[in-house]
């Protein structure tokens, strides 16, 4: 299983930096995304995470409290996380 670690600040610049790594990792099957250190997350990264969950083998996302709250506020909790992950 491939793994990607998200930075503390997940803004548009981070999304642009993460994109190539995410595409490459998804081509190798299941993916684990470590978002445990995320303190700020913007819409661009949320879109990437939704895409990762819907693509190929899908992605398992480990979320920080900030990432969990952003998902809740945007209505993406069920889209981004398995119930057992919450």
PDB file of N, CA and C in Angstrom:
ATOM      1  N   UNK A   1       0.854  -1.177   0.000  1.00  0.00           N
ATOM      2  CA  UNK A   1       0.000   0.000   0.000  1.00  0.00           C
ATOM      3  C   UNK A   1       0.898   1.239   0.000  1.00  0.00           C
ATOM      4  N   UNK A   2       0.635   2.154  -0.922  1.00  0.00           N
ATOM      5  CA  UNK A   2       1.368   3.417  -0.976  1.00  0.00           C
ATOM      6  C   UNK A   2       0.872   4.341   0.120  1.00  0.00           C
ATOM      7  N   UNK A   3       1.711   5.306   0.478  1.00  0.00           N
ATOM      8  CA  UNK A   3       1.348   6.243   1.537  1.00  0.00           C
ATOM      9  C   UNK A   3       1.812   7.651   1.176  1.00  0.00           C
ATOM     10  N   UNK A   4       0.969   8.621   1.504  1.00  0.00           N
ATOM     11  CA  UNK A   4       1.278  10.043   1.320  1.00  0.00           C
ATOM     12  C   UNK A   4       0.996  10.737   2.640  1.00  0.00           C
ATOM     13  N   UNK A   5       1.892  11.647   3.033  1.00  0.00           N
ATOM     14  CA  UNK A   5       1.693  12.429   4.249  1.00  0.00           C
ATOM     15  C   UNK A   5       1.372  13.865   3.860  1.00  0.00           C
ATOM     16  N   UNK A   6       0.262  14.373   4.369  1.00  0.00           N
ATOM     17  CA  UNK A   6      -0.141  15.750   4.087  1.00  0.00           C
ATOM     18  C   UNK A   6       0.594  16.712   5.012  1.00  0.00           C
ATOM     19  N   UNK A   7       0.892  17.920   4.511  1.00  0.00           N
ATOM     20  CA  UNK A   7       1.541  18.920   5.359  1.00  0.00           C
ATOM     21  C   UNK A   7       0.536  19.554   6.328  1.00  0.00           C
ATOM     22  N   UNK A   8       1.048  20.329   7.273  1.00  0.00           N
ATOM     23  CA  UNK A   8       0.183  20.998   8.248  1.00  0.00           C
ATOM     24  C   UNK A   8      -0.749  21.996   7.561  1.00  0.00           C
ATOM     25  N   UNK A   9      -0.228  22.708   6.570  1.00  0.00           N
ATOM     26  CA  UNK A   9      -1.053  23.692   5.843  1.00  0.00           C
ATOM     27  C   UNK A   9      -1.382  23.126   4.465  1.00  0.00           C
ATOM     28  N   UNK A  10      -2.608  22.737   4.279  1.00  0.00           N
ATOM     29  CA  UNK A  10      -3.067  22.148   3.019  1.00  0.00           C
ATOM     30  C   UNK A  10      -3.867  23.174   2.233  1.00  0.00           C
ATOM     31  N   UNK A  11      -3.148  24.074   1.585  1.00  0.00           N
ATOM     32  CA  UNK A  11      -3.782  25.116   0.784  1.00  0.00           C
ATOM     33  C   UNK A  11      -3.599  24.784  -0.697  1.00  0.00           C
ATOM     34  N   UNK A  12      -3.876  25.744  -1.560  1.00  0.00           N
ATOM     35  CA  UNK A  12      -3.784  25.510  -3.003  1.00  0.00           C
ATOM     36  C   UNK A  12      -2.364  25.121  -3.418  1.00  0.00           C
ATOM     37  N   UNK A  13      -1.366  25.774  -2.849  1.00  0.00           N
ATOM     38  CA  UNK A  13       0.025  25.441  -3.180  1.00  0.00           C
ATOM     39  C   UNK A  13       0.333  23.994  -2.793  1.00  0.00           C
ATOM     40  N   UNK A  14      -0.169  23.569  -1.653  1.00  0.00           N
ATOM     41  CA  UNK A  14       0.036  22.186  -1.222  1.00  0.00           C
ATOM     42  C   UNK A  14      -0.669  21.226  -2.182  1.00  0.00           C
ATOM     43  N   UNK A  15      -1.867  21.586  -2.632  1.00  0.00           N
ATOM     44  CA  UNK A  15      -2.606  20.738  -3.575  1.00  0.00           C
ATOM     45  C   UNK A  15      -1.811  20.555  -4.862  1.00  0.00           C
ATOM     46  N   UNK A  16      -1.217  21.632  -5.351  1.00  0.00           N
ATOM     47  CA  UNK A  16      -0.413  21.554  -6.571  1.00  0.00           C
ATOM     48  C   UNK A  16       0.814  20.677  -6.368  1.00  0.00           C
ATOM     49  N   UNK A  17       1.405  20.731  -5.187  1.00  0.00           N
ATOM     50  CA  UNK A  17       2.584  19.916  -4.890  1.00  0.00           C
ATOM     51  C   UNK A  17       2.220  18.450  -4.687  1.00  0.00           C
ATOM     52  N   UNK A  18       1.075  18.187  -4.095  1.00  0.00           N
ATOM     53  CA  UNK A  18       0.634  16.823  -3.782  1.00  0.00           C
ATOM     54  C   UNK A  18       0.126  16.090  -5.018  1.00  0.00           C
ATOM     55  N   UNK A  19      -0.465  16.809  -5.955  1.00  0.00           N
ATOM     56  CA  UNK A  19      -1.141  16.202  -7.105  1.00  0.00           C
ATOM     57  C   UNK A  19      -0.303  15.144  -7.827  1.00  0.00           C
ATOM     58  N   UNK A  20       0.940  15.438  -8.263  1.00  0.00           N
ATOM     59  CA  UNK A  20       1.699  14.415  -8.994  1.00  0.00           C
ATOM     60  C   UNK A  20       1.968  13.161  -8.149  1.00  0.00           C
ATOM     61  N   UNK A  21       2.278  13.348  -6.879  1.00  0.00           N
ATOM     62  CA  UNK A  21       2.524  12.220  -5.982  1.00  0.00           C
ATOM     63  C   UNK A  21       1.257  11.382  -5.800  1.00  0.00           C
ATOM     64  N   UNK A  22       0.126  12.055  -5.705  1.00  0.00           N
ATOM     65  CA  UNK A  22      -1.156  11.367  -5.536  1.00  0.00           C
ATOM     66  C   UNK A  22      -1.500  10.535  -6.768  1.00  0.00           C
ATOM     67  N   UNK A  23      -1.328  11.106  -7.932  1.00  0.00           N
ATOM     68  CA  UNK A  23      -1.619  10.393  -9.179  1.00  0.00           C
ATOM     69  C   UNK A  23      -0.733   9.155  -9.297  1.00  0.00           C
ATOM     70  N   UNK A  24       0.546   9.312  -9.018  1.00  0.00           N
ATOM     71  CA  UNK A  24       1.476   8.179  -9.098  1.00  0.00           C
ATOM     72  C   UNK A  24       1.107   7.096  -8.092  1.00  0.00           C
ATOM     73  N   UNK A  25       0.774   7.504  -6.877  1.00  0.00           N
ATOM     74  CA  UNK A  25       0.438   6.539  -5.827  1.00  0.00           C
ATOM     75  C   UNK A  25      -0.855   5.801  -6.131  1.00  0.00           C
ATOM     76  N   UNK A  26      -1.844   6.479  -6.679  1.00  0.00           N
ATOM     77  CA  UNK A  26      -3.116   5.830  -6.992  1.00  0.00           C
ATOM     78  C   UNK A  26      -2.966   4.798  -8.100  1.00  0.00           C
ATOM     79  N   UNK A  27      -1.971   4.971  -8.943  1.00  0.00           N
ATOM     80  CA  UNK A  27      -1.723   4.003 -10.002  1.00  0.00           C
ATOM     81  C   UNK A  27      -1.204   2.676  -9.476  1.00  0.00           C
ATOM     82  N   UNK A  28      -0.809   2.663  -8.207  1.00  0.00           N
ATOM     83  CA  UNK A  28      -0.238   1.453  -7.599  1.00  0.00           C
ATOM     84  C   UNK A  28      -1.223   0.738  -6.686  1.00  0.00           C
ATOM     85  N   UNK A  29      -2.503   1.025  -6.794  1.00  0.00           N
ATOM     86  CA  UNK A  29      -3.503   0.342  -5.976  1.00  0.00           C
ATOM     87  C   UNK A  29      -3.922   1.163  -4.775  1.00  0.00           C
ATOM     88  N   UNK A  30      -4.174   0.480  -3.680  1.00  0.00           N
ATOM     89  CA  UNK A  30      -4.681   1.136  -2.473  1.00  0.00           C
ATOM     90  C   UNK A  30      -3.695   2.190  -1.964  1.00  0.00           C
ATOM     91  N   UNK A  31      -4.231   3.216  -1.350  1.00  0.00           N
ATOM     92  CA  UNK A  31      -3.433   4.340  -0.887  1.00  0.00           C
ATOM     93  C   UNK A  31      -3.838   4.727   0.522  1.00  0.00           C
ATOM     94  N   UNK A  32      -2.859   5.032   1.347  1.00  0.00           N
ATOM     95  CA  UNK A  32      -3.093   5.551   2.693  1.00  0.00           C
ATOM     96  C   UNK A  32      -2.628   6.989   2.709  1.00  0.00           C
ATOM     97  N   UNK A  33      -3.508   7.904   3.145  1.00  0.00           N
ATOM     98  CA  UNK A  33      -3.171   9.316   3.237  1.00  0.00           C
ATOM     99  C   UNK A  33      -3.138   9.699   4.703  1.00  0.00           C
ATOM    100  N   UNK A  34      -1.962  10.119   5.166  1.00  0.00           N
ATOM    101  CA  UNK A  34      -1.785  10.522   6.561  1.00  0.00           C
ATOM    102  C   UNK A  34      -2.027  12.024   6.675  1.00  0.00           C
ATOM    103  N   UNK A  35      -3.185  12.375   7.185  1.00  0.00           N
ATOM    104  CA  UNK A  35      -3.539  13.777   7.387  1.00  0.00           C
ATOM    105  C   UNK A  35      -3.564  14.126   8.860  1.00  0.00           C
ATOM    106  N   UNK A  36      -2.852  13.359   9.680  1.00  0.00           N
ATOM    107  CA  UNK A  36      -2.895  13.544  11.133  1.00  0.00           C
ATOM    108  C   UNK A  36      -2.248  14.840  11.597  1.00  0.00           C
ATOM    109  N   UNK A  37      -1.405  15.448  10.760  1.00  0.00           N
ATOM    110  CA  UNK A  37      -0.735  16.692  11.147  1.00  0.00           C
ATOM    111  C   UNK A  37      -1.400  17.934  10.550  1.00  0.00           C
ATOM    112  N   UNK A  38      -2.484  17.755   9.799  1.00  0.00           N
ATOM    113  CA  UNK A  38      -3.144  18.885   9.129  1.00  0.00           C
ATOM    114  C   UNK A  38      -3.759  19.838  10.156  1.00  0.00           C
ATOM    115  N   UNK A  39      -3.396  21.114  10.012  1.00  0.00           N
ATOM    116  CA  UNK A  39      -3.945  22.163  10.885  1.00  0.00           C
ATOM    117  C   UNK A  39      -4.884  23.089  10.120  1.00  0.00           C
ATOM    118  N   UNK A  40      -4.673  23.193   8.812  1.00  0.00           N
ATOM    119  CA  UNK A  40      -5.496  24.049   7.947  1.00  0.00           C
ATOM    120  C   UNK A  40      -5.691  23.312   6.631  1.00  0.00           C
ATOM    121  N   UNK A  41      -6.933  23.250   6.157  1.00  0.00           N
ATOM    122  CA  UNK A  41      -7.189  22.592   4.875  1.00  0.00           C
ATOM    123  C   UNK A  41      -8.136  23.443   4.045  1.00  0.00           C
ATOM    124  N   UNK A  42      -7.767  23.623   2.786  1.00  0.00           N
ATOM    125  CA  UNK A  42      -8.578  24.410   1.874  1.00  0.00           C
ATOM    126  C   UNK A  42      -9.350  23.532   0.909  1.00  0.00           C
ATOM    127  N   UNK A  43     -10.178  24.170   0.117  1.00  0.00           N
ATOM    128  CA  UNK A  43     -11.063  23.480  -0.815  1.00  0.00           C
ATOM    129  C   UNK A  43     -10.300  22.640  -1.830  1.00  0.00           C
ATOM    130  N   UNK A  44      -9.176  23.135  -2.319  1.00  0.00           N
ATOM    131  CA  UNK A  44      -8.433  22.400  -3.342  1.00  0.00           C
ATOM    132  C   UNK A  44      -7.970  21.041  -2.824  1.00  0.00           C
ATOM    133  N   UNK A  45      -7.492  20.987  -1.594  1.00  0.00           N
ATOM    134  CA  UNK A  45      -7.040  19.712  -1.031  1.00  0.00           C
ATOM    135  C   UNK A  45      -8.239  18.814  -0.720  1.00  0.00           C
ATOM    136  N   UNK A  46      -9.325  19.393  -0.253  1.00  0.00           N
ATOM    137  CA  UNK A  46     -10.530  18.580  -0.031  1.00  0.00           C
ATOM    138  C   UNK A  46     -10.977  17.926  -1.332  1.00  0.00           C
ATOM    139  N   UNK A  47     -10.905  18.659  -2.440  1.00  0.00           N
ATOM    140  CA  UNK A  47     -11.271  18.099  -3.741  1.00  0.00           C
ATOM    141  C   UNK A  47     -10.343  16.956  -4.129  1.00  0.00           C
ATOM    142  N   UNK A  48      -9.050  17.125  -3.871  1.00  0.00           N
ATOM    143  CA  UNK A  48      -8.101  16.052  -4.164  1.00  0.00           C
ATOM    144  C   UNK A  48      -8.401  14.813  -3.334  1.00  0.00           C
ATOM    145  N   UNK A  49      -8.741  15.011  -2.073  1.00  0.00           N
ATOM    146  CA  UNK A  49      -9.029  13.878  -1.193  1.00  0.00           C
ATOM    147  C   UNK A  49     -10.286  13.133  -1.645  1.00  0.00           C
ATOM    148  N   UNK A  50     -11.307  13.868  -2.055  1.00  0.00           N
ATOM    149  CA  UNK A  50     -12.517  13.224  -2.572  1.00  0.00           C
ATOM    150  C   UNK A  50     -12.170  12.424  -3.823  1.00  0.00           C
ATOM    151  N   UNK A  51     -11.385  13.003  -4.700  1.00  0.00           N
ATOM    152  CA  UNK A  51     -10.968  12.317  -5.916  1.00  0.00           C
ATOM    153  C   UNK A  51     -10.183  11.047  -5.587  1.00  0.00           C
ATOM    154  N   UNK A  52      -9.296  11.140  -4.611  1.00  0.00           N
ATOM    155  CA  UNK A  52      -8.499   9.976  -4.210  1.00  0.00           C
ATOM    156  C   UNK A  52      -9.389   8.860  -3.672  1.00  0.00           C
ATOM    157  N   UNK A  53     -10.391   9.223  -2.904  1.00  0.00           N
ATOM    158  CA  UNK A  53     -11.304   8.216  -2.354  1.00  0.00           C
ATOM    159  C   UNK A  53     -12.106   7.522  -3.457  1.00  0.00           C
ATOM    160  N   UNK A  54     -12.425   8.249  -4.523  1.00  0.00           N
ATOM    161  CA  UNK A  54     -13.254   7.711  -5.603  1.00  0.00           C
ATOM    162  C   UNK A  54     -12.447   6.987  -6.676  1.00  0.00           C
ATOM    163  N   UNK A  55     -11.135   7.124  -6.653  1.00  0.00           N
ATOM    164  CA  UNK A  55     -10.286   6.603  -7.725  1.00  0.00           C
ATOM    165  C   UNK A  55      -9.713   5.235  -7.416  1.00  0.00           C
ATOM    166  N   UNK A  56      -9.504   4.474  -8.475  1.00  0.00           N
ATOM    167  CA  UNK A  56      -8.798   3.200  -8.393  1.00  0.00           C
ATOM    168  C   UNK A  56      -9.181   2.364  -7.194  1.00  0.00           C
ATOM    169  N   UNK A  57      -8.174   2.015  -6.407  1.00  0.00           N
ATOM    170  CA  UNK A  57      -8.386   1.210  -5.206  1.00  0.00           C
ATOM    171  C   UNK A  57      -8.894   2.015  -4.042  1.00  0.00           C
ATOM    172  N   UNK A  58      -9.122   3.306  -4.264  1.00  0.00           N
ATOM    173  CA  UNK A  58      -9.588   4.173  -3.197  1.00  0.00           C
ATOM    174  C   UNK A  58      -8.449   4.585  -2.292  1.00  0.00           C
ATOM    175  N   UNK A  59      -8.768   5.359  -1.291  1.00  0.00           N
ATOM    176  CA  UNK A  59      -7.761   5.833  -0.351  1.00  0.00           C
ATOM    177  C   UNK A  59      -8.335   5.781   1.054  1.00  0.00           C
ATOM    178  N   UNK A  60      -7.486   5.440   1.973  1.00  0.00           N
ATOM    179  CA  UNK A  60      -7.827   5.455   3.394  1.00  0.00           C
ATOM    180  C   UNK A  60      -7.188   6.713   3.970  1.00  0.00           C
ATOM    181  N   UNK A  61      -7.982   7.555   4.604  1.00  0.00           N
ATOM    182  CA  UNK A  61      -7.478   8.836   5.101  1.00  0.00           C
ATOM    183  C   UNK A  61      -7.471   8.830   6.622  1.00  0.00           C
ATOM    184  N   UNK A  62      -6.293   9.094   7.190  1.00  0.00           N
ATOM    185  CA  UNK A  62      -6.163   9.299   8.631  1.00  0.00           C
ATOM    186  C   UNK A  62      -6.262  10.806   8.852  1.00  0.00           C
ATOM    187  N   UNK A  63      -7.228  11.244   9.627  1.00  0.00           N
ATOM    188  CA  UNK A  63      -7.516  12.677   9.732  1.00  0.00           C
ATOM    189  C   UNK A  63      -7.143  13.276  11.077  1.00  0.00           C
ATOM    190  N   UNK A  64      -6.702  14.516  11.011  1.00  0.00           N
ATOM    191  CA  UNK A  64      -6.492  15.322  12.213  1.00  0.00           C
ATOM    192  C   UNK A  64      -7.837  15.906  12.629  1.00  0.00           C
ATOM    193  N   UNK A  65      -7.915  16.483  13.816  1.00  0.00           N
ATOM    194  CA  UNK A  65      -9.158  17.164  14.197  1.00  0.00           C
ATOM    195  C   UNK A  65      -9.537  18.281  13.211  1.00  0.00           C
ATOM    196  N   UNK A  66      -8.552  19.020  12.697  1.00  0.00           N
ATOM    197  CA  UNK A  66      -8.842  20.108  11.750  1.00  0.00           C
ATOM    198  C   UNK A  66      -9.398  19.566  10.440  1.00  0.00           C
ATOM    199  N   UNK A  67      -8.848  18.457   9.968  1.00  0.00           N
ATOM    200  CA  UNK A  67      -9.346  17.858   8.727  1.00  0.00           C
ATOM    201  C   UNK A  67     -10.739  17.274   8.934  1.00  0.00           C
ATOM    202  N   UNK A  68     -10.957  16.655  10.053  1.00  0.00           N
ATOM    203  CA  UNK A  68     -12.280  16.118  10.377  1.00  0.00           C
ATOM    204  C   UNK A  68     -13.319  17.231  10.439  1.00  0.00           C
ATOM    205  N   UNK A  69     -12.960  18.342  11.062  1.00  0.00           N
ATOM    206  CA  UNK A  69     -13.888  19.476  11.179  1.00  0.00           C
ATOM    207  C   UNK A  69     -14.167  20.110   9.818  1.00  0.00           C
ATOM    208  N   UNK A  70     -13.148  20.241   8.978  1.00  0.00           N
ATOM    209  CA  UNK A  70     -13.359  20.791   7.631  1.00  0.00           C
ATOM    210  C   UNK A  70     -14.298  19.898   6.832  1.00  0.00           C
ATOM    211  N   UNK A  71     -14.130  18.594   6.959  1.00  0.00           N
ATOM    212  CA  UNK A  71     -15.029  17.659   6.274  1.00  0.00           C
ATOM    213  C   UNK A  71     -16.458  17.809   6.784  1.00  0.00           C
ATOM    214  N   UNK A  72     -16.607  17.959   8.077  1.00  0.00           N
ATOM    215  CA  UNK A  72     -17.942  18.128   8.662  1.00  0.00           C
ATOM    216  C   UNK A  72     -18.591  19.412   8.162  1.00  0.00           C
ATOM    217  N   UNK A  73     -17.838  20.515   8.173  1.00  0.00           N
ATOM    218  CA  UNK A  73     -18.375  21.816   7.766  1.00  0.00           C
ATOM    219  C   UNK A  73     -18.771  21.858   6.289  1.00  0.00           C
ATOM    220  N   UNK A  74     -18.095  21.071   5.469  1.00  0.00           N
ATOM    221  CA  UNK A  74     -18.384  21.068   4.039  1.00  0.00           C
ATOM    222  C   UNK A  74     -19.310  19.925   3.623  1.00  0.00           C
ATOM    223  N   UNK A  75     -19.732  19.118   4.583  1.00  0.00           N
ATOM    224  CA  UNK A  75     -20.632  18.015   4.280  1.00  0.00           C
ATOM    225  C   UNK A  75     -19.946  16.844   3.599  1.00  0.00           C
ATOM    226  N   UNK A  76     -18.631  16.715   3.781  1.00  0.00           N
ATOM    227  CA  UNK A  76     -17.873  15.666   3.108  1.00  0.00           C
ATOM    228  C   UNK A  76     -17.453  14.513   4.020  1.00  0.00           C
ATOM    229  N   UNK A  77     -17.961  14.476   5.227  1.00  0.00           N
ATOM    230  CA  UNK A  77     -17.536  13.442   6.171  1.00  0.00           C
ATOM    231  C   UNK A  77     -17.742  12.047   5.607  1.00  0.00           C
ATOM    232  N   UNK A  78     -18.934  11.745   5.120  1.00  0.00           N
ATOM    233  CA  UNK A  78     -19.188  10.396   4.602  1.00  0.00           C
ATOM    234  C   UNK A  78     -18.429  10.143   3.301  1.00  0.00           C
ATOM    235  N   UNK A  79     -18.116  11.187   2.581  1.00  0.00           N
ATOM    236  CA  UNK A  79     -17.354  11.053   1.324  1.00  0.00           C
ATOM    237  C   UNK A  79     -15.880  10.745   1.587  1.00  0.00           C
ATOM    238  N   UNK A  80     -15.337  11.290   2.664  1.00  0.00           N
ATOM    239  CA  UNK A  80     -13.908  11.168   2.928  1.00  0.00           C
ATOM    240  C   UNK A  80     -13.520  10.052   3.892  1.00  0.00           C
ATOM    241  N   UNK A  81     -14.415   9.689   4.807  1.00  0.00           N
ATOM    242  CA  UNK A  81     -14.022   8.774   5.863  1.00  0.00           C
ATOM    243  C   UNK A  81     -14.978   7.587   5.979  1.00  0.00           C
ATOM    244  N   UNK A  82     -14.398   6.454   6.291  1.00  0.00           N
ATOM    245  CA  UNK A  82     -15.204   5.295   6.660  1.00  0.00           C
ATOM    246  C   UNK A  82     -15.749   5.570   8.058  1.00  0.00           C
ATOM    247  N   UNK A  83     -16.893   5.037   8.388  1.00  0.00           N
ATOM    248  CA  UNK A  83     -17.457   5.252   9.728  1.00  0.00           C
ATOM    249  C   UNK A  83     -16.499   4.774  10.810  1.00  0.00           C
ATOM    250  N   UNK A  84     -15.773   3.706  10.549  1.00  0.00           N
ATOM    251  CA  UNK A  84     -14.843   3.175  11.545  1.00  0.00           C
ATOM    252  C   UNK A  84     -13.630   4.081  11.748  1.00  0.00           C
ATOM    253  N   UNK A  85     -13.374   5.017  10.814  1.00  0.00           N
ATOM    254  CA  UNK A  85     -12.231   5.919  10.928  1.00  0.00           C
ATOM    255  C   UNK A  85     -12.541   7.098  11.834  1.00  0.00           C
ATOM    256  N   UNK A  86     -13.800   7.354  12.126  1.00  0.00           N
ATOM    257  CA  UNK A  86     -14.174   8.533  12.910  1.00  0.00           C
ATOM    258  C   UNK A  86     -14.162   8.278  14.384  1.00  0.00           C
TER     259      UNK A  86
END
